[in-house]
Amino acid sequence: MVIWILVLAVLTIFSYLSDVGLFQFLQDFRVPFLNASVMSLLILLCTAAMLGRVLTKIRSKEKETLGTKVIQLNKELQVLKEKQES
């Protein structure tokens, strides 16, 4: 995750320098279907990858939480069953 943030920061700096005019060659390359510069496309891809990574981490965390909750409820159910039997 940190790597994606660093890459995005570097790309953002390059994009700014390209907009200022220091790296004009970065604006010359265009993506045919999007009519955008390569830098804009790279920033978009990095942002999408970071968003995807965050969403997968959230989902896996939710699954872990639900799994532990199921185990806890099963233990409580067994304790209640043992109390009813005795």
C-alpha atoms as a PDB file:
ATOM      1  CA  MET A   1       0.000   0.000   0.000  1.00  0.00           C
ATOM      2  CA  VAL A   2       2.820   2.381   0.837  1.00  0.00           C
ATOM      3  CA  ILE A   3       4.416   1.640  -2.520  1.00  0.00           C
ATOM      4  CA  TRP A   4       1.231   2.685  -4.344  1.00  0.00           C
ATOM      5  CA  ILE A   5       1.127   5.941  -2.378  1.00  0.00           C
ATOM      6  CA  LEU A   6       4.777   6.696  -3.180  1.00  0.00           C
ATOM      7  CA  VAL A   7       4.260   5.912  -6.869  1.00  0.00           C
ATOM      8  CA  LEU A   8       1.173   8.107  -6.939  1.00  0.00           C
ATOM      9  CA  ALA A   9       3.071  10.941  -5.248  1.00  0.00           C
ATOM     10  CA  VAL A  10       5.907  10.708  -7.786  1.00  0.00           C
ATOM     11  CA  LEU A  11       3.438  10.620 -10.675  1.00  0.00           C
ATOM     12  CA  THR A  12       1.604  13.626  -9.281  1.00  0.00           C
ATOM     13  CA  ILE A  13       4.858  15.576  -9.015  1.00  0.00           C
ATOM     14  CA  PHE A  14       5.778  14.629 -12.592  1.00  0.00           C
ATOM     15  CA  SER A  15       2.295  15.623 -13.743  1.00  0.00           C
ATOM     16  CA  TYR A  16       2.641  19.019 -12.082  1.00  0.00           C
ATOM     17  CA  LEU A  17       6.080  19.571 -13.612  1.00  0.00           C
ATOM     18  CA  SER A  18       4.651  18.527 -16.958  1.00  0.00           C
ATOM     19  CA  ASP A  19       1.798  21.031 -16.628  1.00  0.00           C
ATOM     20  CA  VAL A  20       4.257  23.766 -15.698  1.00  0.00           C
ATOM     21  CA  GLY A  21       6.256  23.007 -18.810  1.00  0.00           C
ATOM     22  CA  LEU A  22       9.406  21.404 -17.459  1.00  0.00           C
ATOM     23  CA  PHE A  23       8.623  17.980 -18.897  1.00  0.00           C
ATOM     24  CA  GLN A  24       6.799  18.847 -22.080  1.00  0.00           C
ATOM     25  CA  PHE A  25       7.451  15.442 -23.636  1.00  0.00           C
ATOM     26  CA  LEU A  26       5.117  13.827 -21.067  1.00  0.00           C
ATOM     27  CA  GLN A  27       2.193  15.809 -22.485  1.00  0.00           C
ATOM     28  CA  ASP A  28       3.063  14.909 -26.071  1.00  0.00           C
ATOM     29  CA  PHE A  29       2.207  11.222 -25.670  1.00  0.00           C
ATOM     30  CA  ARG A  30      -1.544  10.716 -25.808  1.00  0.00           C
ATOM     31  CA  VAL A  31      -3.726   7.706 -25.121  1.00  0.00           C
ATOM     32  CA  PRO A  32      -5.817   7.248 -28.277  1.00  0.00           C
ATOM     33  CA  PHE A  33      -9.240   6.439 -26.848  1.00  0.00           C
ATOM     34  CA  LEU A  34      -9.189   8.644 -23.766  1.00  0.00           C
ATOM     35  CA  ASN A  35      -7.623  11.768 -25.278  1.00  0.00           C
ATOM     36  CA  ALA A  36      -5.506  12.060 -22.139  1.00  0.00           C
ATOM     37  CA  SER A  37      -1.801  12.195 -21.514  1.00  0.00           C
ATOM     38  CA  VAL A  38       0.086   9.123 -20.364  1.00  0.00           C
ATOM     39  CA  MET A  39       0.660  10.776 -16.988  1.00  0.00           C
ATOM     40  CA  SER A  40      -3.075  11.202 -16.448  1.00  0.00           C
ATOM     41  CA  LEU A  41      -3.640   7.570 -17.352  1.00  0.00           C
ATOM     42  CA  LEU A  42      -0.911   6.404 -14.960  1.00  0.00           C
ATOM     43  CA  ILE A  43      -2.343   8.503 -12.138  1.00  0.00           C
ATOM     44  CA  LEU A  44      -5.786   7.067 -12.846  1.00  0.00           C
ATOM     45  CA  LEU A  45      -4.460   3.495 -12.807  1.00  0.00           C
ATOM     46  CA  CYS A  46      -2.534   4.037  -9.557  1.00  0.00           C
ATOM     47  CA  THR A  47      -5.567   5.541  -7.889  1.00  0.00           C
ATOM     48  CA  ALA A  48      -7.779   2.667  -9.062  1.00  0.00           C
ATOM     49  CA  ALA A  49      -5.241   0.118  -7.816  1.00  0.00           C
ATOM     50  CA  MET A  50      -5.065   1.819  -4.410  1.00  0.00           C
ATOM     51  CA  LEU A  51      -8.849   1.925  -4.162  1.00  0.00           C
ATOM     52  CA  GLY A  52      -9.095  -1.745  -5.097  1.00  0.00           C
ATOM     53  CA  ARG A  53      -6.487  -2.666  -2.523  1.00  0.00           C
ATOM     54  CA  VAL A  54      -8.246  -0.718   0.227  1.00  0.00           C
ATOM     55  CA  LEU A  55     -11.605  -2.294  -0.615  1.00  0.00           C
ATOM     56  CA  THR A  56     -10.138  -5.816  -0.567  1.00  0.00           C
ATOM     57  CA  LYS A  57      -8.509  -5.152   2.794  1.00  0.00           C
ATOM     58  CA  ILE A  58     -11.826  -3.890   4.193  1.00  0.00           C
ATOM     59  CA  ARG A  59     -13.671  -6.961   2.906  1.00  0.00           C
ATOM     60  CA  SER A  60     -11.111  -9.361   4.352  1.00  0.00           C
ATOM     61  CA  LYS A  61     -11.264  -7.526   7.692  1.00  0.00           C
ATOM     62  CA  GLU A  62     -15.072  -7.824   7.673  1.00  0.00           C
ATOM     63  CA  LYS A  63     -14.803 -11.548   6.941  1.00  0.00           C
ATOM     64  CA  GLU A  64     -12.372 -11.993   9.841  1.00  0.00           C
ATOM     65  CA  THR A  65     -14.707 -10.110  12.170  1.00  0.00           C
ATOM     66  CA  LEU A  66     -17.696 -12.172  11.069  1.00  0.00           C
ATOM     67  CA  GLY A  67     -15.709 -15.400  11.430  1.00  0.00           C
ATOM     68  CA  THR A  68     -14.703 -14.612  14.990  1.00  0.00           C
ATOM     69  CA  LYS A  69     -18.277 -13.601  15.807  1.00  0.00           C
ATOM     70  CA  VAL A  70     -19.574 -16.953  14.463  1.00  0.00           C
ATOM     71  CA  ILE A  71     -17.054 -18.870  16.577  1.00  0.00           C
ATOM     72  CA  GLN A  72     -18.002 -16.855  19.658  1.00  0.00           C
ATOM     73  CA  LEU A  73     -21.725 -17.453  19.085  1.00  0.00           C
ATOM     74  CA  ASN A  74     -21.141 -21.198  18.584  1.00  0.00           C
ATOM     75  CA  LYS A  75     -19.338 -21.357  21.924  1.00  0.00           C
ATOM     76  CA  GLU A  76     -22.170 -19.489  23.628  1.00  0.00           C
ATOM     77  CA  LEU A  77     -24.712 -21.837  22.031  1.00  0.00           C
ATOM     78  CA  GLN A  78     -22.857 -24.893  23.296  1.00  0.00           C
ATOM     79  CA  VAL A  79     -22.693 -23.411  26.801  1.00  0.00           C
ATOM     80  CA  LEU A  80     -26.454 -22.807  26.722  1.00  0.00           C
ATOM     81  CA  LYS A  81     -27.095 -26.359  25.474  1.00  0.00           C
ATOM     82  CA  GLU A  82     -24.963 -27.777  28.297  1.00  0.00           C
ATOM     83  CA  LYS A  83     -26.901 -25.709  30.838  1.00  0.00           C
ATOM     84  CA  GLN A  84     -30.207 -26.998  29.471  1.00  0.00           C
ATOM     85  CA  GLU A  85     -29.051 -30.620  29.591  1.00  0.00           C
ATOM     86  CA  SER A  86     -27.983 -30.406  33.211  1.00  0.00           C
END
